[in-house]
C-alpha cells in the first residue's frame, strides 16, 4: 500500500528530474532548482526539505579525480601557530 502524500510523491518526481538534469551536464541549474524547492518546503514540510538537502549534497559531490595541483595543495601542512587567535 502506498501511503505517500501528493506532496511527497511530487517531491520524489522533482528529485528524480533534478538529479537527471545534474547528470546531463546541468549541475548548476539542478542545484538552483533544488535549492528553490528546499526553501519553499523547509518551514512547513521539513522532511521533504531534508530530502532536497540530500540531493544538493549529491549534486555538489566532486566526482573528478584529483589533479596534481589539488594533490599538492591537499598535502601541504598549514602552520598557524604564529597567528593571533580570534
Protein backbone atom coordinates (compact mmCIF):
# COMPACT_ATOMS: atom_id res chain seq x y z
CA UNK A 1 0.00 0.00 0.00
CA UNK A 2 1.35 3.41 -0.99
CA UNK A 3 0.93 5.93 1.84
CA UNK A 4 2.83 8.77 0.14
CA UNK A 5 1.10 12.12 0.21
CA UNK A 6 0.71 14.04 -3.03
CA UNK A 7 3.43 16.43 -1.85
CA UNK A 8 5.81 13.58 -1.11
CA UNK A 9 5.11 12.00 -4.49
CA UNK A 10 5.68 15.29 -6.31
CA UNK A 11 8.89 15.89 -4.37
CA UNK A 12 10.21 12.47 -5.37
CA UNK A 13 9.41 13.22 -9.02
CA UNK A 14 11.18 16.58 -8.72
CA UNK A 15 14.20 14.89 -7.13
CA UNK A 16 14.48 12.40 -9.99
CA UNK A 17 14.20 15.21 -12.54
CA UNK A 18 16.79 17.40 -10.76
CA UNK A 19 19.25 14.51 -10.46
CA UNK A 20 18.80 13.69 -14.16
CA UNK A 21 19.42 17.33 -15.02
CA UNK A 22 22.62 17.30 -12.99
CA UNK A 23 23.81 14.06 -14.56
CA UNK A 24 23.36 15.57 -18.01
CA UNK A 25 25.73 18.48 -17.50
CA UNK A 26 23.32 20.98 -15.97
CA UNK A 27 24.57 20.70 -12.38
CA UNK A 28 24.30 24.46 -11.68
CA UNK A 29 20.71 24.63 -12.89
CA UNK A 30 19.82 21.47 -10.97
CA UNK A 31 21.27 22.95 -7.76
CA UNK A 32 19.32 26.17 -8.19
CA UNK A 33 16.06 24.30 -8.69
CA UNK A 34 16.68 22.02 -5.71
CA UNK A 35 17.60 25.00 -3.52
CA UNK A 36 14.45 26.88 -4.53
CA UNK A 37 12.30 23.86 -3.73
CA UNK A 38 14.08 23.36 -0.41
CA UNK A 39 13.46 26.99 0.54
CA UNK A 40 9.78 26.63 -0.31
CA UNK A 41 9.38 23.49 1.82
CA UNK A 42 11.74 23.98 4.77
CA UNK A 43 9.32 25.56 7.27
CA UNK A 44 6.08 23.68 6.63
CA UNK A 45 7.48 20.39 5.32
CA UNK A 46 10.93 19.83 6.87
CA UNK A 47 11.08 16.12 5.98
CA UNK A 48 10.64 16.86 2.29
CA UNK A 49 13.11 19.74 2.54
CA UNK A 50 15.66 17.37 4.08
CA UNK A 51 15.35 15.08 1.05
CA UNK A 52 16.21 18.02 -1.18
CA UNK A 53 19.15 18.86 1.07
CA UNK A 54 20.47 15.37 0.36
CA UNK A 55 20.03 15.98 -3.36
CA UNK A 56 22.07 19.17 -3.11
CA UNK A 57 24.84 17.25 -1.37
CA UNK A 58 24.77 14.61 -4.09
CA UNK A 59 24.87 17.23 -6.85
CA UNK A 60 27.81 19.07 -5.36
CA UNK A 61 29.90 16.00 -4.56
CA UNK A 62 33.16 16.12 -6.50
CA UNK A 63 33.48 13.25 -8.93
CA UNK A 64 36.54 14.49 -10.78
CA UNK A 65 39.81 12.75 -9.90
CA UNK A 66 42.30 14.97 -8.09
CA UNK A 67 44.81 16.77 -10.27
CA UNK A 68 48.50 17.13 -9.45
CA UNK A 69 47.77 20.66 -8.23
CA UNK A 70 44.98 19.64 -5.83
CA UNK A 71 47.02 16.71 -4.53
CA UNK A 72 49.91 19.08 -3.81
CA UNK A 73 47.69 21.65 -2.08
CA UNK A 74 45.95 18.97 -0.02
CA UNK A 75 49.28 17.53 1.14
CA UNK A 76 50.65 20.85 2.43
CA UNK A 77 50.53 21.49 6.16
CA UNK A 78 49.27 24.88 7.22
CA UNK A 79 51.16 26.18 10.24
CA UNK A 80 49.00 28.73 12.08
CA UNK A 81 50.86 28.82 15.40
CA UNK A 82 52.07 32.37 14.82
CA UNK A 83 48.61 33.72 14.03
CA UNK A 84 46.68 35.60 16.68
CA UNK A 85 43.71 33.56 17.96
CA UNK A 86 40.31 35.07 17.36
